C-alpha atoms as a PDB file:
ATOM      1  CA  MET A   1     -11.591  15.342 -13.099  1.00  0.00           C
ATOM      2  CA  SER A   2      -8.719  14.064 -10.968  1.00  0.00           C
ATOM      3  CA  LYS A   3      -8.622  13.868  -7.200  1.00  0.00           C
ATOM      4  CA  THR A   4      -5.868  12.984  -4.795  1.00  0.00           C
ATOM      5  CA  LEU A   5      -6.397   9.961  -2.588  1.00  0.00           C
ATOM      6  CA  PHE A   6      -4.197   8.706   0.228  1.00  0.00           C
ATOM      7  CA  TYR A   7      -3.736   5.079   1.230  1.00  0.00           C
ATOM      8  CA  LYS A   8      -1.882   3.655   4.196  1.00  0.00           C
ATOM      9  CA  ALA A   9       1.023   1.374   3.299  1.00  0.00           C
ATOM     10  CA  ILE A  10       2.494  -1.093   5.779  1.00  0.00           C
ATOM     11  CA  PHE A  11       6.239  -1.719   5.459  1.00  0.00           C
ATOM     12  CA  GLU A  12       7.611  -4.924   6.933  1.00  0.00           C
ATOM     13  CA  PRO A  13      11.302  -5.866   6.917  1.00  0.00           C
ATOM     14  CA  ALA A  14      11.843  -8.998   4.800  1.00  0.00           C
ATOM     15  CA  GLU A  15      13.924 -11.868   6.223  1.00  0.00           C
ATOM     16  CA  GLU A  16      16.248 -11.766   3.210  1.00  0.00           C
ATOM     17  CA  GLY A  17      16.615  -7.976   3.486  1.00  0.00           C
ATOM     18  CA  GLY A  18      14.648  -5.104   2.065  1.00  0.00           C
ATOM     19  CA  TYR A  19      10.948  -4.563   2.634  1.00  0.00           C
ATOM     20  CA  THR A  20       7.602  -6.049   1.748  1.00  0.00           C
ATOM     21  CA  VAL A  21       4.857  -3.420   1.607  1.00  0.00           C
ATOM     22  CA  TYR A  22       1.083  -3.696   1.252  1.00  0.00           C
ATOM     23  CA  CYS A  23      -2.047  -1.559   1.444  1.00  0.00           C
ATOM     24  CA  PRO A  24      -4.747  -2.981   3.739  1.00  0.00           C
ATOM     25  CA  SER A  25      -7.501  -1.014   1.967  1.00  0.00           C
ATOM     26  CA  LEU A  26      -6.497  -2.452  -1.438  1.00  0.00           C
ATOM     27  CA  PRO A  27      -6.625  -6.257  -1.063  1.00  0.00           C
ATOM     28  CA  GLY A  28      -3.814  -7.949  -2.963  1.00  0.00           C
ATOM     29  CA  CYS A  29      -1.901  -4.709  -3.569  1.00  0.00           C
ATOM     30  CA  ILE A  30       1.581  -5.700  -2.452  1.00  0.00           C
ATOM     31  CA  SER A  31       5.119  -4.913  -3.531  1.00  0.00           C
ATOM     32  CA  GLU A  32       8.685  -5.001  -2.265  1.00  0.00           C
ATOM     33  CA  GLY A  33      12.039  -3.309  -2.549  1.00  0.00           C
ATOM     34  CA  ASP A  34      15.656  -3.707  -1.490  1.00  0.00           C
ATOM     35  CA  THR A  35      15.501  -0.348   0.320  1.00  0.00           C
ATOM     36  CA  TYR A  36      12.740   1.708   1.909  1.00  0.00           C
ATOM     37  CA  ASP A  37      12.863   4.231  -0.960  1.00  0.00           C
ATOM     38  CA  GLU A  38      12.664   1.499  -3.598  1.00  0.00           C
ATOM     39  CA  ALA A  39       9.770  -0.185  -1.777  1.00  0.00           C
ATOM     40  CA  LEU A  40       7.967   3.179  -1.569  1.00  0.00           C
ATOM     41  CA  ARG A  41       8.406   3.794  -5.316  1.00  0.00           C
ATOM     42  CA  ASN A  42       7.232   0.268  -6.073  1.00  0.00           C
ATOM     43  CA  ILE A  43       4.102   0.445  -3.914  1.00  0.00           C
ATOM     44  CA  ARG A  44       3.160   3.794  -5.476  1.00  0.00           C
ATOM     45  CA  GLU A  45       3.372   2.140  -8.894  1.00  0.00           C
ATOM     46  CA  ALA A  46       1.419  -0.887  -7.638  1.00  0.00           C
ATOM     47  CA  ILE A  47      -1.326   1.369  -6.235  1.00  0.00           C
ATOM     48  CA  ASP A  48      -1.544   3.321  -9.508  1.00  0.00           C
ATOM     49  CA  LEU A  49      -1.882   0.089 -11.510  1.00  0.00           C
ATOM     50  CA  TYR A  50      -4.393  -1.334  -9.021  1.00  0.00           C
ATOM     51  CA  LEU A  51      -6.626   1.748  -9.242  1.00  0.00           C
ATOM     52  CA  GLU A  52      -6.257   1.984 -13.028  1.00  0.00           C
ATOM     53  CA  THR A  53      -7.338  -1.653 -13.369  1.00  0.00           C
ATOM     54  CA  LEU A  54     -10.385  -1.058 -11.169  1.00  0.00           C
ATOM     55  CA  LYS A  55     -11.398   1.949 -13.274  1.00  0.00           C
ATOM     56  CA  ASP A  56     -10.899  -0.023 -16.522  1.00  0.00           C
ATOM     57  CA  MET A  57     -13.183  -2.738 -15.127  1.00  0.00           C
ATOM     58  CA  GLY A  58     -15.845  -0.167 -14.261  1.00  0.00           C
ATOM     59  CA  LYS A  59     -15.434  -0.713 -10.520  1.00  0.00           C
ATOM     60  CA  SER A  60     -15.369   2.036  -7.944  1.00  0.00           C
ATOM     61  CA  VAL A  61     -12.128   3.194  -6.360  1.00  0.00           C
ATOM     62  CA  PRO A  62     -12.092   2.231  -2.671  1.00  0.00           C
ATOM     63  CA  ARG A  63     -11.545   4.807   0.036  1.00  0.00           C
ATOM     64  CA  GLU A  64      -8.973   4.356   2.755  1.00  0.00           C
ATOM     65  CA  LYS A  65     -10.588   2.438   5.596  1.00  0.00           C
ATOM     66  CA  SER A  66      -7.633   1.483   7.788  1.00  0.00           C
ATOM     67  CA  HIS A  67      -6.963   3.206  11.067  1.00  0.00           C
ATOM     68  CA  VAL A  68      -3.488   2.569  12.450  1.00  0.00           C
ATOM     69  CA  VAL A  69      -2.629   3.162  16.090  1.00  0.00           C
ATOM     70  CA  GLU A  70       0.288   2.243  18.292  1.00  0.00           C
ATOM     71  CA  VAL A  71      -0.745   0.230  21.328  1.00  0.00           C
ATOM     72  CA  GLU A  72       1.445   0.417  24.427  1.00  0.00           C
ATOM     73  CA  CYS A  73       2.101  -2.907  26.129  1.00  0.00           C
ATOM     74  CA  VAL A  74       4.178  -3.520  29.224  1.00  0.00           C
ATOM     75  CA  VAL A  75       6.082  -6.799  29.315  1.00  0.00           C
END
């Protein structure tokens, strides 16, 4: 039985251009891309491989645990 899970991905502009992207709820799950769309495709693939590896090792699939909010600061 399959189920759909959602994970938050954080995109950060890389100094050399493009993006680095990671999932806080999946430690070590990180990827990159020259464009936003490429980085998005790559992190989806990285998440799929990450979860597949966990399942192959008999480990449980983690749930999303990150809560992202924007904090207003006056400077």
